[in-house]
N, C-alpha and C. Protein backbone atom coordinates (compact mmCIF):
# COMPACT_ATOMS: atom_id res chain seq x y z
N MET A 1 -54.71 -4.12 13.80
CA MET A 1 -53.64 -4.90 14.37
C MET A 1 -53.90 -5.15 15.84
N ARG A 2 -53.59 -6.33 16.33
CA ARG A 2 -53.85 -6.71 17.70
C ARG A 2 -52.84 -6.09 18.66
N GLU A 3 -53.32 -5.79 19.87
CA GLU A 3 -52.42 -5.36 20.93
C GLU A 3 -51.68 -6.59 21.45
N GLU A 4 -50.38 -6.47 21.65
CA GLU A 4 -49.55 -7.63 21.99
C GLU A 4 -49.27 -7.79 23.47
N SER A 5 -50.14 -7.29 24.37
CA SER A 5 -49.93 -7.51 25.79
C SER A 5 -51.20 -8.07 26.41
N GLY A 6 -51.05 -8.62 27.60
CA GLY A 6 -52.18 -9.20 28.28
C GLY A 6 -52.19 -10.71 28.15
N PRO A 7 -52.89 -11.38 29.07
CA PRO A 7 -52.87 -12.85 29.10
C PRO A 7 -53.45 -13.50 27.84
N GLY A 8 -54.50 -12.94 27.27
CA GLY A 8 -55.08 -13.51 26.06
C GLY A 8 -54.13 -13.43 24.88
N ASN A 9 -53.44 -12.30 24.77
CA ASN A 9 -52.49 -12.12 23.67
C ASN A 9 -51.24 -12.95 23.90
N GLU A 10 -50.89 -13.16 25.17
CA GLU A 10 -49.74 -14.02 25.47
C GLU A 10 -50.05 -15.45 25.03
N ARG A 11 -51.25 -15.91 25.29
CA ARG A 11 -51.64 -17.26 24.85
C ARG A 11 -51.67 -17.34 23.33
N LEU A 12 -52.13 -16.26 22.67
CA LEU A 12 -52.14 -16.25 21.21
C LEU A 12 -50.71 -16.32 20.67
N ALA A 13 -49.80 -15.58 21.28
CA ALA A 13 -48.40 -15.63 20.87
C ALA A 13 -47.83 -17.04 21.09
N GLN A 14 -48.20 -17.68 22.19
CA GLN A 14 -47.75 -19.04 22.46
C GLN A 14 -48.31 -20.01 21.41
N ALA A 15 -49.57 -19.82 21.04
CA ALA A 15 -50.18 -20.69 20.03
C ALA A 15 -49.51 -20.49 18.68
N ARG A 16 -49.20 -19.25 18.33
CA ARG A 16 -48.47 -19.00 17.07
C ARG A 16 -47.12 -19.72 17.09
N SER A 17 -46.40 -19.57 18.20
CA SER A 17 -45.09 -20.22 18.32
C SER A 17 -45.21 -21.73 18.27
N PHE A 18 -46.23 -22.26 18.90
CA PHE A 18 -46.46 -23.71 18.88
C PHE A 18 -46.66 -24.20 17.45
N LEU A 19 -47.49 -23.50 16.71
CA LEU A 19 -47.75 -23.90 15.32
C LEU A 19 -46.50 -23.75 14.46
N GLN A 20 -45.72 -22.72 14.70
CA GLN A 20 -44.47 -22.56 13.94
C GLN A 20 -43.48 -23.67 14.28
N GLU A 21 -43.48 -24.14 15.52
CA GLU A 21 -42.64 -25.28 15.88
C GLU A 21 -43.05 -26.51 15.07
N ALA A 22 -44.35 -26.69 14.87
CA ALA A 22 -44.83 -27.82 14.06
C ALA A 22 -44.30 -27.70 12.63
N VAL A 23 -44.27 -26.47 12.11
CA VAL A 23 -43.74 -26.24 10.76
C VAL A 23 -42.25 -26.55 10.74
N TYR A 24 -41.51 -26.04 11.72
CA TYR A 24 -40.05 -26.27 11.75
C TYR A 24 -39.75 -27.75 11.81
N ARG A 25 -40.46 -28.47 12.65
CA ARG A 25 -40.24 -29.91 12.81
C ARG A 25 -40.54 -30.63 11.49
N SER A 26 -41.62 -30.26 10.86
CA SER A 26 -42.02 -30.89 9.60
C SER A 26 -41.07 -30.51 8.47
N ARG A 27 -40.61 -29.26 8.46
CA ARG A 27 -39.70 -28.81 7.41
C ARG A 27 -38.38 -29.56 7.44
N GLY A 28 -37.93 -29.93 8.63
CA GLY A 28 -36.69 -30.70 8.71
C GLY A 28 -36.82 -32.01 7.94
N ASP A 29 -37.95 -32.65 8.08
CA ASP A 29 -38.23 -33.89 7.36
C ASP A 29 -38.40 -33.62 5.87
N GLN A 30 -39.09 -32.54 5.56
CA GLN A 30 -39.36 -32.18 4.16
C GLN A 30 -38.07 -31.81 3.43
N ALA A 31 -37.16 -31.14 4.12
CA ALA A 31 -35.91 -30.72 3.49
C ALA A 31 -35.11 -31.92 3.02
N GLY A 32 -35.05 -32.96 3.85
CA GLY A 32 -34.32 -34.17 3.45
C GLY A 32 -34.95 -34.82 2.24
N ALA A 33 -36.27 -34.91 2.22
CA ALA A 33 -36.97 -35.52 1.09
C ALA A 33 -36.78 -34.69 -0.18
N ALA A 34 -36.85 -33.36 -0.05
CA ALA A 34 -36.69 -32.49 -1.21
C ALA A 34 -35.27 -32.59 -1.77
N LEU A 35 -34.30 -32.69 -0.89
CA LEU A 35 -32.91 -32.80 -1.33
C LEU A 35 -32.71 -34.08 -2.13
N LEU A 36 -33.25 -35.17 -1.64
CA LEU A 36 -33.11 -36.44 -2.35
C LEU A 36 -33.83 -36.40 -3.70
N ALA A 37 -35.02 -35.80 -3.73
CA ALA A 37 -35.79 -35.74 -4.97
C ALA A 37 -35.16 -34.80 -5.98
N ALA A 38 -34.45 -33.78 -5.50
CA ALA A 38 -33.91 -32.76 -6.40
C ALA A 38 -32.64 -33.20 -7.12
N ARG A 39 -31.98 -34.21 -6.65
CA ARG A 39 -30.73 -34.63 -7.30
C ARG A 39 -31.00 -35.00 -8.75
N GLY A 40 -30.35 -34.28 -9.61
CA GLY A 40 -30.51 -34.55 -11.04
C GLY A 40 -31.75 -33.92 -11.64
N SER A 41 -32.54 -33.21 -10.81
CA SER A 41 -33.77 -32.62 -11.30
C SER A 41 -33.58 -31.13 -11.54
N VAL A 42 -34.05 -30.67 -12.67
CA VAL A 42 -34.05 -29.23 -12.98
C VAL A 42 -35.44 -28.84 -13.46
N ASP A 43 -36.42 -29.13 -12.63
CA ASP A 43 -37.80 -28.90 -13.03
C ASP A 43 -38.29 -27.48 -12.76
N GLY A 44 -37.46 -26.63 -12.18
CA GLY A 44 -37.88 -25.26 -11.92
C GLY A 44 -38.78 -25.12 -10.72
N SER A 45 -38.76 -26.08 -9.81
CA SER A 45 -39.61 -25.99 -8.64
C SER A 45 -39.13 -24.90 -7.70
N CYS A 46 -39.89 -24.65 -6.65
CA CYS A 46 -39.56 -23.57 -5.73
C CYS A 46 -38.68 -24.03 -4.58
N GLY A 47 -38.24 -25.27 -4.59
CA GLY A 47 -37.32 -25.75 -3.57
C GLY A 47 -37.96 -26.40 -2.37
N LEU A 48 -39.28 -26.50 -2.36
CA LEU A 48 -39.96 -27.10 -1.22
C LEU A 48 -40.37 -28.55 -1.46
N GLY A 49 -39.97 -29.12 -2.56
CA GLY A 49 -40.33 -30.50 -2.85
C GLY A 49 -41.73 -30.62 -3.43
N GLU A 50 -42.18 -31.86 -3.51
CA GLU A 50 -43.49 -32.12 -4.12
C GLU A 50 -44.66 -31.64 -3.26
N GLY A 51 -44.52 -31.75 -1.97
CA GLY A 51 -45.60 -31.35 -1.09
C GLY A 51 -45.12 -31.33 0.34
N PRO A 52 -45.99 -30.89 1.25
CA PRO A 52 -45.57 -30.76 2.63
C PRO A 52 -45.36 -32.12 3.29
N SER A 53 -44.44 -32.14 4.21
CA SER A 53 -44.26 -33.28 5.09
C SER A 53 -44.89 -32.86 6.41
N VAL A 54 -45.70 -33.70 6.99
CA VAL A 54 -46.36 -33.37 8.25
C VAL A 54 -45.85 -34.32 9.32
N VAL A 55 -45.14 -33.76 10.30
CA VAL A 55 -44.61 -34.52 11.43
C VAL A 55 -45.28 -33.97 12.67
N LEU A 56 -45.97 -34.82 13.42
CA LEU A 56 -46.77 -34.35 14.54
C LEU A 56 -46.14 -34.55 15.90
N ASP A 57 -44.95 -35.15 15.97
CA ASP A 57 -44.32 -35.24 17.28
C ASP A 57 -43.77 -33.86 17.64
N LEU A 58 -43.76 -33.55 18.92
CA LEU A 58 -43.44 -32.21 19.37
C LEU A 58 -41.97 -32.06 19.73
N THR A 59 -41.42 -30.91 19.38
CA THR A 59 -40.09 -30.56 19.84
C THR A 59 -40.21 -30.24 21.34
N PRO A 60 -39.09 -30.23 22.05
CA PRO A 60 -39.16 -29.83 23.46
C PRO A 60 -39.79 -28.45 23.65
N ARG A 61 -39.48 -27.52 22.76
CA ARG A 61 -40.08 -26.17 22.84
C ARG A 61 -41.59 -26.24 22.63
N ALA A 62 -42.04 -27.04 21.68
CA ALA A 62 -43.49 -27.18 21.45
C ALA A 62 -44.17 -27.80 22.66
N GLN A 63 -43.54 -28.78 23.27
CA GLN A 63 -44.11 -29.39 24.48
C GLN A 63 -44.29 -28.34 25.58
N ALA A 64 -43.27 -27.51 25.78
CA ALA A 64 -43.35 -26.46 26.80
C ALA A 64 -44.45 -25.46 26.46
N LEU A 65 -44.54 -25.05 25.21
CA LEU A 65 -45.58 -24.11 24.79
C LEU A 65 -46.97 -24.70 24.97
N PHE A 66 -47.11 -25.97 24.68
CA PHE A 66 -48.40 -26.65 24.82
C PHE A 66 -48.88 -26.56 26.26
N LEU A 67 -48.00 -26.80 27.19
CA LEU A 67 -48.35 -26.71 28.61
C LEU A 67 -48.61 -25.27 29.02
N GLU A 68 -47.80 -24.33 28.52
CA GLU A 68 -48.00 -22.92 28.84
C GLU A 68 -49.34 -22.40 28.34
N MET A 69 -49.83 -22.98 27.24
CA MET A 69 -51.13 -22.56 26.72
C MET A 69 -52.28 -23.08 27.58
N GLY A 70 -51.97 -24.00 28.49
CA GLY A 70 -53.00 -24.51 29.39
C GLY A 70 -53.40 -25.95 29.14
N ALA A 71 -52.68 -26.67 28.31
CA ALA A 71 -53.01 -28.06 28.05
C ALA A 71 -52.79 -28.89 29.32
N THR A 72 -53.64 -29.88 29.48
CA THR A 72 -53.53 -30.80 30.61
C THR A 72 -53.57 -32.22 30.07
N GLU A 73 -53.48 -33.18 30.96
CA GLU A 73 -53.58 -34.58 30.53
C GLU A 73 -54.94 -34.87 29.92
N ALA A 74 -55.94 -34.07 30.27
CA ALA A 74 -57.29 -34.27 29.74
C ALA A 74 -57.48 -33.64 28.35
N THR A 75 -56.51 -32.85 27.90
CA THR A 75 -56.63 -32.21 26.59
C THR A 75 -56.60 -33.28 25.50
N ALA A 76 -57.62 -33.28 24.67
CA ALA A 76 -57.70 -34.25 23.57
C ALA A 76 -56.62 -33.92 22.54
N LEU A 77 -55.79 -34.90 22.22
CA LEU A 77 -54.67 -34.65 21.31
C LEU A 77 -55.06 -34.69 19.83
N GLU A 78 -56.04 -35.51 19.47
CA GLU A 78 -56.39 -35.66 18.05
C GLU A 78 -56.79 -34.34 17.39
N PRO A 79 -57.66 -33.55 18.02
CA PRO A 79 -58.00 -32.27 17.39
C PRO A 79 -56.81 -31.31 17.32
N VAL A 80 -55.95 -31.34 18.32
CA VAL A 80 -54.75 -30.49 18.32
C VAL A 80 -53.83 -30.92 17.19
N GLN A 81 -53.65 -32.22 17.02
CA GLN A 81 -52.80 -32.72 15.94
C GLN A 81 -53.39 -32.40 14.57
N ALA A 82 -54.72 -32.45 14.47
CA ALA A 82 -55.37 -32.09 13.21
C ALA A 82 -55.13 -30.60 12.90
N CYS A 83 -55.20 -29.77 13.92
CA CYS A 83 -54.94 -28.34 13.75
C CYS A 83 -53.49 -28.12 13.32
N MET A 84 -52.56 -28.84 13.96
CA MET A 84 -51.15 -28.74 13.58
C MET A 84 -50.95 -29.14 12.13
N ALA A 85 -51.52 -30.27 11.74
CA ALA A 85 -51.36 -30.77 10.37
C ALA A 85 -51.95 -29.78 9.37
N ASP A 86 -53.13 -29.23 9.69
CA ASP A 86 -53.74 -28.24 8.80
C ASP A 86 -52.83 -27.02 8.65
N TRP A 87 -52.24 -26.57 9.76
CA TRP A 87 -51.37 -25.40 9.67
C TRP A 87 -50.10 -25.70 8.86
N VAL A 88 -49.50 -26.86 9.08
CA VAL A 88 -48.29 -27.21 8.32
C VAL A 88 -48.60 -27.19 6.82
N ARG A 89 -49.73 -27.74 6.43
CA ARG A 89 -50.11 -27.75 5.01
C ARG A 89 -50.39 -26.33 4.51
N ARG A 90 -51.07 -25.54 5.31
CA ARG A 90 -51.40 -24.16 4.91
C ARG A 90 -50.12 -23.32 4.80
N GLN A 91 -49.23 -23.46 5.79
CA GLN A 91 -47.96 -22.73 5.75
C GLN A 91 -47.16 -23.12 4.51
N ASP A 92 -47.16 -24.41 4.19
CA ASP A 92 -46.44 -24.87 3.00
C ASP A 92 -47.00 -24.20 1.75
N ALA A 93 -48.31 -24.14 1.65
CA ALA A 93 -48.93 -23.51 0.48
C ALA A 93 -48.59 -22.02 0.41
N LEU A 94 -48.60 -21.35 1.55
CA LEU A 94 -48.26 -19.93 1.58
C LEU A 94 -46.78 -19.70 1.25
N ASP A 95 -45.92 -20.58 1.75
CA ASP A 95 -44.50 -20.45 1.42
C ASP A 95 -44.25 -20.69 -0.06
N ARG A 96 -44.99 -21.62 -0.64
CA ARG A 96 -44.87 -21.85 -2.08
C ARG A 96 -45.33 -20.62 -2.85
N ARG A 97 -46.40 -19.98 -2.39
CA ARG A 97 -46.88 -18.76 -3.05
C ARG A 97 -45.80 -17.68 -2.98
N ARG A 98 -45.18 -17.51 -1.81
CA ARG A 98 -44.10 -16.53 -1.67
C ARG A 98 -42.93 -16.87 -2.60
N ASN A 99 -42.52 -18.13 -2.59
CA ASN A 99 -41.40 -18.54 -3.43
C ASN A 99 -41.70 -18.34 -4.91
N HIS A 100 -42.91 -18.64 -5.33
CA HIS A 100 -43.28 -18.47 -6.73
C HIS A 100 -43.32 -16.98 -7.10
N PHE A 101 -43.83 -16.15 -6.17
CA PHE A 101 -43.82 -14.71 -6.41
C PHE A 101 -42.38 -14.23 -6.61
N LEU A 102 -41.49 -14.61 -5.68
CA LEU A 102 -40.09 -14.18 -5.76
C LEU A 102 -39.44 -14.65 -7.06
N LYS A 103 -39.67 -15.90 -7.40
CA LYS A 103 -39.05 -16.46 -8.61
C LYS A 103 -39.55 -15.73 -9.86
N ALA A 104 -40.85 -15.50 -9.94
CA ALA A 104 -41.42 -14.82 -11.10
C ALA A 104 -40.94 -13.37 -11.17
N PHE A 105 -40.93 -12.69 -10.04
CA PHE A 105 -40.51 -11.30 -10.04
C PHE A 105 -39.05 -11.18 -10.43
N ARG A 106 -38.24 -12.02 -9.84
CA ARG A 106 -36.80 -11.99 -10.16
C ARG A 106 -36.54 -12.42 -11.60
N GLY A 107 -37.36 -13.33 -12.10
CA GLY A 107 -37.23 -13.75 -13.49
C GLY A 107 -37.51 -12.61 -14.45
N GLU A 108 -38.44 -11.76 -14.07
CA GLU A 108 -38.81 -10.63 -14.93
C GLU A 108 -37.89 -9.42 -14.75
N HIS A 109 -37.44 -9.19 -13.51
CA HIS A 109 -36.70 -7.95 -13.21
C HIS A 109 -35.25 -8.17 -12.78
N GLY A 110 -34.82 -9.41 -12.65
CA GLY A 110 -33.47 -9.69 -12.18
C GLY A 110 -33.45 -9.89 -10.67
N ALA A 111 -32.41 -10.53 -10.19
CA ALA A 111 -32.33 -10.86 -8.77
C ALA A 111 -31.73 -9.75 -7.93
N ASP A 112 -31.03 -8.81 -8.54
CA ASP A 112 -30.35 -7.77 -7.78
C ASP A 112 -31.26 -6.56 -7.61
N ARG A 113 -31.81 -6.41 -6.41
CA ARG A 113 -32.74 -5.31 -6.15
C ARG A 113 -32.07 -3.94 -6.26
N ARG A 114 -30.77 -3.89 -6.12
CA ARG A 114 -30.07 -2.61 -6.23
C ARG A 114 -30.25 -2.00 -7.62
N GLY A 115 -30.54 -2.83 -8.61
CA GLY A 115 -30.74 -2.33 -9.97
C GLY A 115 -32.19 -2.02 -10.29
N TYR A 116 -33.11 -2.21 -9.36
CA TYR A 116 -34.52 -1.93 -9.61
C TYR A 116 -34.77 -0.42 -9.61
N SER A 117 -35.68 -0.02 -10.47
CA SER A 117 -36.14 1.37 -10.41
C SER A 117 -36.98 1.52 -9.14
N GLU A 118 -37.31 2.75 -8.79
CA GLU A 118 -38.14 2.99 -7.60
C GLU A 118 -39.49 2.30 -7.74
N ASP A 119 -40.09 2.38 -8.93
CA ASP A 119 -41.39 1.75 -9.15
C ASP A 119 -41.30 0.22 -9.06
N THR A 120 -40.24 -0.34 -9.61
CA THR A 120 -40.07 -1.80 -9.56
C THR A 120 -39.82 -2.25 -8.13
N LEU A 121 -39.01 -1.51 -7.41
CA LEU A 121 -38.73 -1.85 -6.02
C LEU A 121 -40.00 -1.75 -5.18
N ARG A 122 -40.80 -0.73 -5.43
CA ARG A 122 -42.06 -0.58 -4.71
C ARG A 122 -43.00 -1.74 -5.02
N ALA A 123 -43.07 -2.16 -6.29
CA ALA A 123 -43.91 -3.29 -6.67
C ALA A 123 -43.43 -4.58 -5.99
N PHE A 124 -42.12 -4.75 -5.93
CA PHE A 124 -41.55 -5.92 -5.26
C PHE A 124 -41.93 -5.92 -3.78
N GLU A 125 -41.71 -4.82 -3.11
CA GLU A 125 -41.99 -4.73 -1.67
C GLU A 125 -43.48 -4.88 -1.39
N GLU A 126 -44.32 -4.30 -2.21
CA GLU A 126 -45.77 -4.41 -2.02
C GLU A 126 -46.24 -5.84 -2.25
N GLY A 127 -45.69 -6.50 -3.27
CA GLY A 127 -46.07 -7.88 -3.53
C GLY A 127 -45.65 -8.80 -2.41
N LEU A 128 -44.44 -8.63 -1.93
CA LEU A 128 -43.95 -9.46 -0.83
C LEU A 128 -44.71 -9.17 0.45
N GLU A 129 -45.02 -7.90 0.69
CA GLU A 129 -45.80 -7.52 1.86
C GLU A 129 -47.19 -8.15 1.82
N ALA A 130 -47.80 -8.21 0.66
CA ALA A 130 -49.14 -8.81 0.53
C ALA A 130 -49.09 -10.30 0.86
N VAL A 131 -48.08 -11.00 0.37
CA VAL A 131 -47.95 -12.42 0.68
C VAL A 131 -47.70 -12.60 2.18
N ASN A 132 -46.83 -11.79 2.75
CA ASN A 132 -46.54 -11.90 4.18
C ASN A 132 -47.75 -11.58 5.04
N ALA A 133 -48.58 -10.65 4.60
CA ALA A 133 -49.81 -10.33 5.33
C ALA A 133 -50.76 -11.53 5.33
N GLN A 134 -50.82 -12.26 4.21
CA GLN A 134 -51.64 -13.46 4.16
C GLN A 134 -51.13 -14.50 5.15
N VAL A 135 -49.82 -14.63 5.26
CA VAL A 135 -49.23 -15.59 6.20
C VAL A 135 -49.60 -15.20 7.63
N THR A 136 -49.44 -13.94 7.96
CA THR A 136 -49.75 -13.47 9.31
C THR A 136 -51.21 -13.68 9.65
N SER A 137 -52.09 -13.34 8.74
CA SER A 137 -53.53 -13.52 8.96
C SER A 137 -53.89 -14.99 9.14
N ALA A 138 -53.35 -15.83 8.28
CA ALA A 138 -53.64 -17.27 8.37
C ALA A 138 -53.08 -17.86 9.67
N LEU A 139 -51.91 -17.42 10.09
CA LEU A 139 -51.33 -17.91 11.34
C LEU A 139 -52.19 -17.49 12.52
N ASP A 140 -52.65 -16.25 12.52
CA ASP A 140 -53.54 -15.81 13.60
C ASP A 140 -54.81 -16.64 13.66
N GLU A 141 -55.41 -16.91 12.50
CA GLU A 141 -56.62 -17.74 12.47
C GLU A 141 -56.36 -19.14 13.00
N ALA A 142 -55.25 -19.73 12.58
CA ALA A 142 -54.92 -21.08 13.05
C ALA A 142 -54.62 -21.09 14.54
N ALA A 143 -53.93 -20.06 15.04
CA ALA A 143 -53.61 -19.98 16.47
C ALA A 143 -54.90 -19.82 17.29
N GLU A 144 -55.81 -19.01 16.81
CA GLU A 144 -57.08 -18.84 17.51
C GLU A 144 -57.88 -20.14 17.53
N ALA A 145 -57.86 -20.87 16.43
CA ALA A 145 -58.54 -22.17 16.39
C ALA A 145 -57.88 -23.15 17.36
N LEU A 146 -56.56 -23.13 17.42
CA LEU A 146 -55.84 -24.01 18.34
C LEU A 146 -56.21 -23.71 19.78
N LEU A 147 -56.31 -22.44 20.13
CA LEU A 147 -56.64 -22.07 21.51
C LEU A 147 -58.02 -22.56 21.93
N LEU A 148 -58.91 -22.73 20.99
CA LEU A 148 -60.24 -23.28 21.33
C LEU A 148 -60.16 -24.76 21.71
N LEU A 149 -59.07 -25.41 21.33
CA LEU A 149 -58.90 -26.84 21.59
C LEU A 149 -58.15 -27.13 22.89
N VAL A 150 -57.47 -26.10 23.40
CA VAL A 150 -56.63 -26.30 24.59
C VAL A 150 -57.31 -25.75 25.82
């Protein structure tokens, strides 16, 4: 696990936050599309719609983070936007994996964790932890790639 202090780690934390802002911005667009598509649909999907929506305009927070990471007017935007788009798509895939895990587990064992045996609860927590670890690892990789561009 990485140490979370120092200027390099601060930039990494900023890059993670920047990429998550891209996800939040894109998810707002995706949520509207999924809501419209879901009306009358009972296809058993995970609630994220057909696929990711990628919106590359920056929220005010993302703009501030971009500058804090060291971006200047000379920073090439196309590679940064490509990194953002790649992360939004990757995050969407990881969120779908999490949602499918939750749906399958709850389908097999019920939605109320209070009724799980110790072994079932441990399996649930371990499975969710494994998915979350993949998200954390992928976010760190994407943030490190982003920092090479800024």
